[in-house]
N, C-alpha and C. Protein backbone atom coordinates (compact mmCIF):
# COMPACT_ATOMS: atom_id res chain seq x y z
N MET A 1 -10.13 0.57 19.27
CA MET A 1 -8.68 0.68 19.31
C MET A 1 -8.08 0.05 18.05
N ILE A 2 -7.19 0.77 17.40
CA ILE A 2 -6.56 0.29 16.18
C ILE A 2 -5.36 -0.59 16.54
N THR A 3 -5.29 -1.76 15.92
CA THR A 3 -4.13 -2.63 16.10
C THR A 3 -3.44 -2.79 14.75
N TYR A 4 -2.13 -2.88 14.79
CA TYR A 4 -1.31 -3.00 13.59
C TYR A 4 -0.55 -4.31 13.65
N GLN A 5 -0.42 -4.97 12.50
CA GLN A 5 0.33 -6.21 12.45
C GLN A 5 0.75 -6.52 11.03
N VAL A 6 1.76 -7.36 10.93
CA VAL A 6 2.14 -7.93 9.65
C VAL A 6 1.31 -9.19 9.49
N GLU A 7 0.67 -9.34 8.34
CA GLU A 7 -0.15 -10.52 8.08
C GLU A 7 0.38 -11.22 6.85
N GLU A 8 0.38 -12.53 6.90
CA GLU A 8 0.83 -13.34 5.76
C GLU A 8 -0.13 -13.21 4.59
N ARG A 9 -1.42 -13.15 4.89
CA ARG A 9 -2.42 -13.16 3.83
C ARG A 9 -3.72 -12.55 4.35
N ILE A 10 -4.39 -11.80 3.51
CA ILE A 10 -5.75 -11.36 3.80
C ILE A 10 -6.63 -11.86 2.66
N THR A 11 -7.92 -11.81 2.85
CA THR A 11 -8.82 -12.31 1.80
C THR A 11 -8.95 -11.28 0.68
N VAL A 12 -9.30 -11.77 -0.49
CA VAL A 12 -9.55 -10.89 -1.63
C VAL A 12 -10.70 -9.95 -1.30
N ALA A 13 -11.73 -10.46 -0.63
CA ALA A 13 -12.88 -9.63 -0.27
C ALA A 13 -12.47 -8.46 0.63
N GLU A 14 -11.61 -8.74 1.63
CA GLU A 14 -11.13 -7.67 2.51
C GLU A 14 -10.29 -6.66 1.73
N PHE A 15 -9.42 -7.17 0.87
CA PHE A 15 -8.56 -6.31 0.07
C PHE A 15 -9.40 -5.40 -0.82
N LYS A 16 -10.36 -5.97 -1.51
CA LYS A 16 -11.22 -5.18 -2.39
C LYS A 16 -11.97 -4.12 -1.60
N LYS A 17 -12.49 -4.49 -0.45
CA LYS A 17 -13.27 -3.54 0.37
C LYS A 17 -12.42 -2.37 0.83
N ILE A 18 -11.20 -2.62 1.29
CA ILE A 18 -10.37 -1.51 1.75
C ILE A 18 -9.94 -0.63 0.58
N LEU A 19 -9.73 -1.22 -0.58
CA LEU A 19 -9.40 -0.41 -1.76
C LEU A 19 -10.57 0.52 -2.10
N VAL A 20 -11.77 -0.01 -2.09
CA VAL A 20 -12.96 0.79 -2.39
C VAL A 20 -13.19 1.83 -1.30
N ASP A 21 -13.11 1.42 -0.05
CA ASP A 21 -13.39 2.32 1.08
C ASP A 21 -12.37 3.44 1.23
N SER A 22 -11.22 3.29 0.57
CA SER A 22 -10.17 4.31 0.67
C SER A 22 -10.09 5.20 -0.56
N THR A 23 -10.80 4.89 -1.59
CA THR A 23 -10.77 5.51 -2.92
C THR A 23 -9.61 5.00 -3.78
N LEU A 24 -8.71 4.19 -3.23
CA LEU A 24 -7.63 3.64 -4.05
C LEU A 24 -8.19 2.69 -5.12
N GLY A 25 -9.38 2.18 -4.87
CA GLY A 25 -10.04 1.31 -5.83
C GLY A 25 -10.29 1.96 -7.18
N GLU A 26 -10.27 3.29 -7.21
CA GLU A 26 -10.44 4.00 -8.48
C GLU A 26 -9.30 3.69 -9.45
N ARG A 27 -8.15 3.27 -8.92
CA ARG A 27 -6.97 3.00 -9.74
C ARG A 27 -6.47 1.57 -9.61
N ARG A 28 -7.32 0.68 -9.14
CA ARG A 28 -6.95 -0.71 -8.99
C ARG A 28 -7.99 -1.59 -9.70
N PRO A 29 -7.62 -2.80 -10.09
CA PRO A 29 -8.54 -3.68 -10.84
C PRO A 29 -9.55 -4.37 -9.93
N ILE A 30 -10.40 -3.59 -9.27
CA ILE A 30 -11.29 -4.17 -8.25
C ILE A 30 -12.36 -5.10 -8.82
N SER A 31 -12.61 -5.04 -10.11
CA SER A 31 -13.60 -5.94 -10.71
C SER A 31 -12.97 -7.27 -11.14
N GLU A 32 -11.65 -7.41 -10.93
CA GLU A 32 -10.94 -8.63 -11.34
C GLU A 32 -10.42 -9.37 -10.10
N SER A 33 -11.27 -10.23 -9.54
CA SER A 33 -10.91 -10.95 -8.31
C SER A 33 -9.65 -11.78 -8.46
N THR A 34 -9.47 -12.41 -9.59
CA THR A 34 -8.28 -13.24 -9.81
C THR A 34 -7.02 -12.38 -9.77
N ARG A 35 -7.09 -11.22 -10.38
CA ARG A 35 -5.94 -10.32 -10.38
C ARG A 35 -5.64 -9.81 -8.97
N LEU A 36 -6.69 -9.46 -8.22
CA LEU A 36 -6.49 -9.04 -6.83
C LEU A 36 -5.84 -10.15 -6.02
N ASP A 37 -6.29 -11.38 -6.24
CA ASP A 37 -5.71 -12.53 -5.55
C ASP A 37 -4.23 -12.66 -5.86
N GLU A 38 -3.86 -12.51 -7.12
CA GLU A 38 -2.45 -12.58 -7.51
C GLU A 38 -1.65 -11.43 -6.88
N MET A 39 -2.24 -10.26 -6.80
CA MET A 39 -1.57 -9.13 -6.16
C MET A 39 -1.23 -9.46 -4.71
N LEU A 40 -2.16 -10.10 -4.04
CA LEU A 40 -1.92 -10.50 -2.65
C LEU A 40 -0.91 -11.63 -2.53
N LYS A 41 -1.01 -12.61 -3.43
CA LYS A 41 -0.09 -13.76 -3.39
C LYS A 41 1.36 -13.33 -3.56
N HIS A 42 1.60 -12.36 -4.41
CA HIS A 42 2.97 -11.98 -4.73
C HIS A 42 3.53 -10.87 -3.85
N ALA A 43 2.70 -10.28 -3.03
CA ALA A 43 3.20 -9.32 -2.05
C ALA A 43 3.91 -10.10 -0.96
N ASN A 44 5.06 -9.61 -0.52
CA ASN A 44 5.75 -10.34 0.55
C ASN A 44 5.87 -9.54 1.85
N LEU A 45 5.15 -8.43 1.91
CA LEU A 45 5.05 -7.69 3.17
C LEU A 45 3.70 -6.97 3.18
N ILE A 46 2.81 -7.45 4.02
CA ILE A 46 1.49 -6.84 4.17
C ILE A 46 1.33 -6.41 5.62
N VAL A 47 1.19 -5.11 5.81
CA VAL A 47 0.97 -4.54 7.14
C VAL A 47 -0.48 -4.05 7.17
N THR A 48 -1.19 -4.40 8.22
CA THR A 48 -2.60 -4.02 8.30
C THR A 48 -2.90 -3.21 9.56
N ALA A 49 -3.98 -2.45 9.47
CA ALA A 49 -4.55 -1.75 10.61
C ALA A 49 -5.97 -2.27 10.76
N ARG A 50 -6.32 -2.69 11.95
CA ARG A 50 -7.65 -3.24 12.19
C ARG A 50 -8.28 -2.56 13.40
N ASP A 51 -9.58 -2.35 13.28
CA ASP A 51 -10.38 -1.80 14.37
C ASP A 51 -11.33 -2.91 14.81
N ASN A 52 -11.02 -3.55 15.93
CA ASN A 52 -11.82 -4.69 16.42
C ASN A 52 -12.01 -5.74 15.33
N GLY A 53 -10.94 -6.04 14.60
CA GLY A 53 -10.96 -7.07 13.57
C GLY A 53 -11.28 -6.55 12.18
N LYS A 54 -11.93 -5.41 12.08
CA LYS A 54 -12.29 -4.84 10.77
C LYS A 54 -11.05 -4.20 10.14
N LEU A 55 -10.75 -4.59 8.90
CA LEU A 55 -9.61 -4.01 8.18
C LEU A 55 -9.93 -2.57 7.83
N VAL A 56 -9.12 -1.64 8.36
CA VAL A 56 -9.33 -0.21 8.10
C VAL A 56 -8.14 0.42 7.38
N GLY A 57 -7.05 -0.34 7.24
CA GLY A 57 -5.88 0.17 6.53
C GLY A 57 -4.95 -0.95 6.13
N ILE A 58 -4.25 -0.73 5.02
CA ILE A 58 -3.30 -1.74 4.54
C ILE A 58 -2.13 -1.06 3.84
N ALA A 59 -0.95 -1.63 4.03
CA ALA A 59 0.24 -1.27 3.26
C ALA A 59 0.73 -2.58 2.63
N ARG A 60 0.58 -2.69 1.31
CA ARG A 60 0.97 -3.92 0.60
C ARG A 60 2.23 -3.63 -0.20
N SER A 61 3.29 -4.41 0.11
CA SER A 61 4.60 -4.13 -0.49
C SER A 61 5.24 -5.37 -1.09
N LEU A 62 6.20 -5.09 -1.98
CA LEU A 62 7.10 -6.09 -2.53
C LEU A 62 8.50 -5.65 -2.15
N THR A 63 9.27 -6.53 -1.53
CA THR A 63 10.57 -6.13 -1.01
C THR A 63 11.59 -7.26 -1.04
N ASP A 64 12.87 -6.87 -1.10
CA ASP A 64 13.95 -7.83 -0.88
C ASP A 64 14.50 -7.67 0.54
N PHE A 65 13.94 -6.72 1.30
CA PHE A 65 14.24 -6.45 2.70
C PHE A 65 15.61 -5.83 2.96
N VAL A 66 16.45 -5.69 1.95
CA VAL A 66 17.79 -5.13 2.18
C VAL A 66 18.16 -3.98 1.26
N TYR A 67 17.50 -3.86 0.12
CA TYR A 67 17.85 -2.79 -0.80
C TYR A 67 16.64 -1.91 -1.14
N CYS A 68 15.53 -2.54 -1.52
CA CYS A 68 14.37 -1.73 -1.86
C CYS A 68 13.07 -2.40 -1.44
N THR A 69 12.14 -1.55 -1.05
CA THR A 69 10.78 -1.96 -0.72
C THR A 69 9.86 -1.08 -1.53
N TYR A 70 9.06 -1.70 -2.40
CA TYR A 70 8.09 -0.96 -3.18
C TYR A 70 6.74 -1.06 -2.49
N LEU A 71 6.30 0.04 -1.93
CA LEU A 71 5.00 0.11 -1.26
C LEU A 71 3.96 0.37 -2.35
N SER A 72 3.35 -0.69 -2.81
CA SER A 72 2.45 -0.64 -3.95
C SER A 72 1.08 -0.08 -3.60
N ASP A 73 0.55 -0.45 -2.45
CA ASP A 73 -0.77 0.01 -2.05
C ASP A 73 -0.75 0.49 -0.60
N LEU A 74 -1.10 1.73 -0.41
CA LEU A 74 -1.34 2.27 0.94
C LEU A 74 -2.77 2.76 0.93
N ALA A 75 -3.62 2.08 1.67
CA ALA A 75 -5.04 2.41 1.66
C ALA A 75 -5.57 2.48 3.09
N VAL A 76 -6.27 3.56 3.38
CA VAL A 76 -6.92 3.73 4.68
C VAL A 76 -8.37 4.12 4.42
N ASN A 77 -9.28 3.42 5.05
CA ASN A 77 -10.70 3.71 4.96
C ASN A 77 -10.93 5.21 5.16
N ILE A 78 -11.72 5.82 4.30
CA ILE A 78 -11.95 7.28 4.36
C ILE A 78 -12.36 7.74 5.75
N SER A 79 -13.23 6.99 6.42
CA SER A 79 -13.71 7.43 7.73
C SER A 79 -12.65 7.29 8.83
N TYR A 80 -11.50 6.68 8.51
CA TYR A 80 -10.41 6.53 9.47
C TYR A 80 -9.21 7.39 9.11
N GLN A 81 -9.31 8.16 8.04
CA GLN A 81 -8.18 8.99 7.62
C GLN A 81 -7.97 10.16 8.59
N ASN A 82 -6.78 10.73 8.54
CA ASN A 82 -6.38 11.85 9.40
C ASN A 82 -6.29 11.46 10.87
N GLN A 83 -5.96 10.19 11.12
CA GLN A 83 -5.76 9.71 12.49
C GLN A 83 -4.36 9.12 12.67
N GLY A 84 -3.50 9.25 11.64
CA GLY A 84 -2.14 8.74 11.74
C GLY A 84 -1.99 7.29 11.32
N ILE A 85 -3.04 6.69 10.79
CA ILE A 85 -2.99 5.27 10.41
C ILE A 85 -2.04 5.05 9.24
N GLY A 86 -2.14 5.86 8.22
CA GLY A 86 -1.25 5.73 7.07
C GLY A 86 0.20 5.86 7.47
N ARG A 87 0.48 6.86 8.30
CA ARG A 87 1.85 7.07 8.80
C ARG A 87 2.34 5.85 9.55
N GLU A 88 1.51 5.27 10.39
CA GLU A 88 1.91 4.09 11.16
C GLU A 88 2.13 2.88 10.25
N LEU A 89 1.30 2.72 9.23
CA LEU A 89 1.49 1.63 8.28
C LEU A 89 2.82 1.77 7.54
N ILE A 90 3.15 2.99 7.15
CA ILE A 90 4.44 3.25 6.49
C ILE A 90 5.58 2.97 7.46
N LYS A 91 5.44 3.42 8.68
CA LYS A 91 6.48 3.20 9.70
C LYS A 91 6.74 1.71 9.91
N MET A 92 5.68 0.94 10.05
CA MET A 92 5.85 -0.50 10.26
C MET A 92 6.45 -1.18 9.03
N THR A 93 6.05 -0.73 7.85
CA THR A 93 6.63 -1.27 6.62
C THR A 93 8.13 -1.04 6.61
N LYS A 94 8.53 0.17 6.93
CA LYS A 94 9.96 0.51 6.95
C LYS A 94 10.69 -0.27 8.05
N GLN A 95 10.09 -0.43 9.20
CA GLN A 95 10.72 -1.18 10.30
C GLN A 95 10.96 -2.65 9.92
N HIS A 96 10.14 -3.20 9.06
CA HIS A 96 10.31 -4.59 8.66
C HIS A 96 11.25 -4.76 7.47
N SER A 97 11.71 -3.65 6.92
CA SER A 97 12.71 -3.70 5.85
C SER A 97 13.67 -2.53 6.07
N ILE A 98 14.23 -2.48 7.27
CA ILE A 98 14.97 -1.33 7.78
C ILE A 98 16.13 -0.89 6.88
N LYS A 99 16.82 -1.82 6.25
CA LYS A 99 17.95 -1.46 5.39
C LYS A 99 17.52 -1.00 4.01
N ALA A 100 16.29 -1.30 3.64
CA ALA A 100 15.81 -1.04 2.28
C ALA A 100 15.26 0.38 2.14
N LYS A 101 15.44 0.93 0.95
CA LYS A 101 14.85 2.22 0.61
C LYS A 101 13.37 1.98 0.32
N LEU A 102 12.50 2.77 0.93
CA LEU A 102 11.07 2.66 0.71
C LEU A 102 10.68 3.53 -0.48
N ILE A 103 10.01 2.92 -1.45
CA ILE A 103 9.66 3.58 -2.70
C ILE A 103 8.16 3.43 -2.92
N LEU A 104 7.52 4.51 -3.38
CA LEU A 104 6.11 4.40 -3.75
C LEU A 104 5.77 5.41 -4.82
N LEU A 105 4.69 5.14 -5.52
CA LEU A 105 4.12 6.08 -6.48
C LEU A 105 2.83 6.59 -5.85
N SER A 106 2.70 7.89 -5.74
CA SER A 106 1.55 8.47 -5.06
C SER A 106 0.31 8.48 -5.94
N ALA A 107 -0.81 8.21 -5.31
CA ALA A 107 -2.10 8.45 -5.96
C ALA A 107 -2.26 9.97 -6.08
N PRO A 108 -2.93 10.44 -7.12
CA PRO A 108 -3.06 11.89 -7.31
C PRO A 108 -3.59 12.64 -6.09
N LYS A 109 -4.56 12.05 -5.38
CA LYS A 109 -5.15 12.72 -4.21
C LYS A 109 -4.20 12.77 -3.01
N SER A 110 -3.11 12.01 -3.06
CA SER A 110 -2.22 11.90 -1.90
C SER A 110 -0.86 12.54 -2.11
N VAL A 111 -0.65 13.21 -3.20
CA VAL A 111 0.66 13.75 -3.55
C VAL A 111 1.25 14.59 -2.42
N ASN A 112 0.46 15.42 -1.80
CA ASN A 112 0.97 16.31 -0.75
C ASN A 112 1.16 15.63 0.60
N TYR A 113 0.54 14.49 0.79
CA TYR A 113 0.61 13.79 2.07
C TYR A 113 2.02 13.31 2.42
N TYR A 114 2.70 12.72 1.47
CA TYR A 114 3.96 12.04 1.76
C TYR A 114 5.06 13.00 2.21
N SER A 115 5.14 14.17 1.61
CA SER A 115 6.15 15.13 2.06
C SER A 115 5.82 15.64 3.46
N LYS A 116 4.56 15.71 3.81
CA LYS A 116 4.15 16.17 5.15
C LYS A 116 4.62 15.21 6.24
N ILE A 117 4.78 13.93 5.89
CA ILE A 117 5.20 12.97 6.91
C ILE A 117 6.70 12.66 6.82
N GLY A 118 7.42 13.41 5.99
CA GLY A 118 8.87 13.28 5.97
C GLY A 118 9.48 12.52 4.81
N MET A 119 8.66 12.09 3.86
CA MET A 119 9.22 11.39 2.70
C MET A 119 9.73 12.42 1.69
N LYS A 120 10.75 12.03 0.95
CA LYS A 120 11.33 12.92 -0.04
C LYS A 120 10.82 12.56 -1.43
N GLN A 121 10.44 13.59 -2.17
CA GLN A 121 9.94 13.38 -3.53
C GLN A 121 11.11 13.35 -4.49
N ARG A 122 11.07 12.41 -5.42
CA ARG A 122 12.10 12.30 -6.45
C ARG A 122 11.50 12.63 -7.80
N GLU A 123 12.30 13.22 -8.64
CA GLU A 123 11.84 13.66 -9.95
C GLU A 123 11.80 12.53 -10.98
N HIS A 124 12.70 11.59 -10.86
CA HIS A 124 12.87 10.59 -11.92
C HIS A 124 12.14 9.29 -11.60
N CYS A 125 11.09 9.07 -12.34
CA CYS A 125 10.33 7.84 -12.21
C CYS A 125 9.80 7.50 -13.59
N TYR A 126 9.87 6.25 -13.94
CA TYR A 126 9.40 5.82 -15.25
C TYR A 126 8.49 4.62 -15.08
N VAL A 127 7.45 4.55 -15.88
CA VAL A 127 6.53 3.42 -15.84
C VAL A 127 6.26 2.93 -17.26
N MET A 128 5.91 1.67 -17.36
CA MET A 128 5.52 1.09 -18.65
C MET A 128 4.37 0.14 -18.38
N ASP A 129 3.26 0.34 -19.06
CA ASP A 129 2.10 -0.55 -18.92
C ASP A 129 2.07 -1.62 -20.00
N ASP A 130 2.53 -1.27 -21.18
CA ASP A 130 2.41 -2.17 -22.33
C ASP A 130 3.79 -2.45 -22.90
N ILE A 131 4.14 -3.73 -23.04
CA ILE A 131 5.46 -4.11 -23.56
C ILE A 131 5.67 -3.58 -24.98
N ASN A 132 4.58 -3.36 -25.71
CA ASN A 132 4.70 -2.82 -27.06
C ASN A 132 5.17 -1.38 -27.10
N ASP A 133 5.16 -0.73 -25.94
CA ASP A 133 5.69 0.64 -25.88
C ASP A 133 7.21 0.67 -25.92
N LEU A 134 7.84 -0.47 -25.66
CA LEU A 134 9.30 -0.53 -25.66
C LEU A 134 9.80 -0.43 -27.10
N VAL A 135 10.70 0.53 -27.32
CA VAL A 135 11.20 0.75 -28.69
C VAL A 135 12.63 0.27 -28.83
């Protein structure tokens, strides 16, 4: 039975494992434990899905709870996908920041998923990885 909860903190090992087990690890710094630890420390809303204690899904967000919630990582173990876990993690994230707009950047493999569950795609999004790109 899958249980969902908001957790203050999970271990770096659990975080790394769910990233790898979901394929999200392909786009995350999984070889940098210190960086993963900082990602967890600075997240202020972590919703998890567990199967008898085993972490099978996570929604890691940064939010002010009233205007915007950036859902940075949505990861569900591949063997648990297509069971509604991702949808439930998003739902709980939104319920804990009800006034805030939920924002995320989709992983390439998940682009079609979000519109299927009712999220609206926006055209305008900008990213910057390197400060030297600023002109």
